[in-house]
Amino acid sequence: EESKEKSSVEEPLELELKDLPSHLEYTFLEDSNKLPVIIAKNLKVDEIEALLNVLKSHKQAIAWKISDIKGIDPSPWVSPIHCVPKKGGITVVANEDNELILTRLVTGWSVCIDYRKLNDATMKDHFPLPFMDQMLERLAGNEFYCFLDGFS
């Protein structure tokens, strides 16, 4: 059984509000200081009311805690992203038995995106773009040239 955690809208958190820069202020989407949002101080009263009406009608879109953030759909259109260490130099490290082991230094991280699933799901050259010389040949000697998208 999965126990579904209640969202912050259903069960608001008690938050410690920090000091803000002078041009910002807290306002709340519910009574008794629940569901805080930060807005600009220089807004007019009617602008504040309009902003709060929009925010109140879309409370579920705001994530006050990590569990409120929706996950990424694992569809074929989402490509997995991997962080792999960049290869650096090699150093020698002694292990517990005093044996010398060659170890590769990590000098940074590379982001690698695997597009294989996405490539399998898409059609190759369904509407290939014409080359410039092909377009110039078609246009040569014509005063007007009209075409419809998707037609050759």
Protein backbone atom coordinates (compact mmCIF):
# COMPACT_ATOMS: atom_id res chain seq x y z
CA GLU A 1 0.00 0.00 0.00
CA GLU A 2 1.25 3.43 -0.93
CA SER A 3 0.58 6.14 1.61
CA LYS A 4 -0.12 9.30 -0.34
CA GLU A 5 1.32 12.36 1.35
CA LYS A 6 -1.05 15.32 1.46
CA SER A 7 -0.10 18.35 -0.60
CA SER A 8 0.72 21.69 1.00
CA VAL A 9 -2.64 23.05 -0.17
CA GLU A 10 -4.55 20.33 1.73
CA GLU A 11 -2.29 20.49 4.78
CA PRO A 12 -0.28 23.78 4.85
CA LEU A 13 3.14 23.77 6.49
CA GLU A 14 4.23 25.99 9.37
CA LEU A 15 7.08 27.95 7.81
CA GLU A 16 9.69 30.26 9.29
CA LEU A 17 9.60 33.37 7.13
CA LYS A 18 12.96 35.02 6.52
CA ASP A 19 13.63 38.73 6.08
CA LEU A 20 13.15 39.91 2.50
CA PRO A 21 14.81 42.69 0.50
CA SER A 22 13.09 46.05 0.89
CA HIS A 23 11.24 45.85 -2.46
CA LEU A 24 9.52 42.51 -1.64
CA GLU A 25 6.89 41.41 0.87
CA TYR A 26 5.05 38.27 1.96
CA THR A 27 1.36 37.77 1.34
CA PHE A 28 -0.72 34.67 2.03
CA LEU A 29 -3.16 32.70 -0.10
CA GLU A 30 -5.09 31.47 2.96
CA ASP A 31 -6.06 32.92 6.32
CA SER A 32 -3.89 32.60 9.43
CA ASN A 33 -0.62 33.01 7.52
CA LYS A 34 -0.89 29.81 5.43
CA LEU A 35 0.54 29.35 1.92
CA PRO A 36 2.95 32.30 1.71
CA VAL A 37 3.97 33.90 -1.58
CA ILE A 38 6.40 36.75 -2.21
CA ILE A 39 5.23 39.75 -4.22
CA ALA A 40 6.62 43.18 -5.09
CA LYS A 41 5.86 45.95 -2.58
CA ASN A 42 5.25 48.60 -5.23
CA LEU A 43 2.09 46.94 -6.65
CA LYS A 44 -1.19 48.85 -6.48
CA VAL A 45 -4.09 47.43 -4.44
CA ASP A 46 -6.03 46.33 -7.54
CA GLU A 47 -2.88 44.68 -8.98
CA ILE A 48 -2.33 42.78 -5.72
CA GLU A 49 -5.96 41.61 -5.71
CA ALA A 50 -5.74 40.46 -9.34
CA LEU A 51 -2.44 38.66 -8.70
CA LEU A 52 -3.77 36.93 -5.57
CA ASN A 53 -6.94 35.84 -7.41
CA VAL A 54 -4.83 34.17 -10.10
CA LEU A 55 -2.52 32.55 -7.53
CA LYS A 56 -5.46 31.34 -5.39
CA SER A 57 -7.14 29.77 -8.41
CA HIS A 58 -3.90 27.94 -9.31
CA LYS A 59 -2.64 26.90 -5.85
CA GLN A 60 -1.85 23.37 -7.04
CA ALA A 61 0.72 24.79 -9.49
CA ILE A 62 2.90 26.12 -6.65
CA ALA A 63 5.13 23.64 -4.84
CA TRP A 64 5.72 24.59 -1.20
CA LYS A 65 7.52 21.30 -0.49
CA ILE A 66 9.46 18.75 -2.54
CA SER A 67 6.63 16.18 -2.58
CA ASP A 68 4.38 18.75 -4.33
CA ILE A 69 6.64 18.71 -7.40
CA LYS A 70 5.33 16.31 -10.04
CA GLY A 71 7.77 13.80 -11.50
CA ILE A 72 8.90 13.62 -15.11
CA ASP A 73 6.84 11.31 -17.31
CA PRO A 74 9.03 8.40 -18.53
CA SER A 75 7.61 8.53 -22.07
CA PRO A 76 9.69 7.92 -25.22
CA TRP A 77 9.93 11.70 -25.65
CA VAL A 78 11.93 12.07 -22.41
CA SER A 79 15.61 11.30 -22.86
CA PRO A 80 17.62 9.99 -19.93
CA ILE A 81 20.41 12.29 -18.81
CA HIS A 82 23.58 10.87 -17.30
CA CYS A 83 26.38 12.72 -15.54
CA VAL A 84 29.70 11.02 -16.18
CA PRO A 85 33.08 11.99 -14.80
CA LYS A 86 35.49 13.76 -17.14
CA LYS A 87 38.71 11.87 -17.54
CA GLY A 88 41.67 13.52 -15.94
CA GLY A 89 45.19 12.37 -15.23
CA ILE A 90 46.17 9.16 -13.47
CA THR A 91 47.53 8.98 -9.95
CA VAL A 92 48.82 6.13 -7.80
CA VAL A 93 47.02 5.35 -4.53
CA ALA A 94 47.94 2.75 -1.91
CA ASN A 95 45.10 0.47 -0.71
CA GLU A 96 44.68 -1.30 2.68
CA ASP A 97 47.26 -3.97 1.75
CA ASN A 98 49.81 -1.31 0.73
CA GLU A 99 49.42 -2.27 -2.93
CA LEU A 100 49.77 0.58 -5.39
CA ILE A 101 46.63 1.08 -7.49
CA LEU A 102 46.35 3.32 -10.54
CA THR A 103 43.39 5.68 -10.15
CA ARG A 104 42.00 8.11 -12.69
CA LEU A 105 41.40 11.64 -11.36
CA VAL A 106 37.97 13.19 -11.86
CA THR A 107 38.47 16.76 -13.07
CA GLY A 108 34.80 17.52 -13.69
CA TRP A 109 31.51 16.13 -14.91
CA SER A 110 30.02 15.82 -18.41
CA VAL A 111 26.30 15.69 -19.10
CA CYS A 112 25.46 12.96 -21.61
CA ILE A 113 21.96 12.67 -23.08
CA ASP A 114 20.80 9.37 -24.56
CA TYR A 115 18.60 10.13 -27.58
CA ARG A 116 18.28 6.51 -28.81
CA LYS A 117 14.65 6.04 -27.65
CA LEU A 118 13.65 9.40 -29.09
CA ASN A 119 15.38 8.62 -32.40
CA ASP A 120 13.58 5.25 -32.60
CA ALA A 121 10.21 6.97 -32.10
CA THR A 122 10.68 9.62 -34.81
CA MET A 123 10.49 9.34 -38.61
CA LYS A 124 13.69 10.08 -40.46
CA ASP A 125 13.54 12.89 -43.06
CA HIS A 126 9.75 12.89 -43.26
CA PHE A 127 9.91 16.39 -44.75
CA PRO A 128 13.57 16.88 -45.69
CA LEU A 129 14.70 20.45 -46.19
CA PRO A 130 15.78 21.24 -49.77
CA PHE A 131 19.35 22.27 -50.50
CA MET A 132 20.03 25.86 -51.50
CA ASP A 133 21.02 24.93 -55.09
CA GLN A 134 17.73 23.00 -55.51
CA MET A 135 15.75 26.05 -54.37
CA LEU A 136 17.67 28.36 -56.75
CA GLU A 137 16.99 26.00 -59.69
CA ARG A 138 13.26 26.04 -58.91
CA LEU A 139 13.20 29.83 -58.64
CA ALA A 140 15.28 30.53 -61.76
CA GLY A 141 13.35 32.39 -64.48
CA ASN A 142 10.19 32.80 -62.37
CA GLU A 143 8.79 36.17 -61.45
CA PHE A 144 6.58 34.71 -58.69
CA TYR A 145 6.97 31.48 -56.78
CA CYS A 146 4.22 30.14 -54.52
CA PHE A 147 4.27 26.91 -52.54
CA LEU A 148 2.31 25.14 -49.79
CA ASP A 149 4.06 23.82 -46.69
CA GLY A 150 4.67 20.09 -46.90
CA PHE A 151 4.46 19.89 -50.71
CA SER A 152 7.37 19.74 -53.15
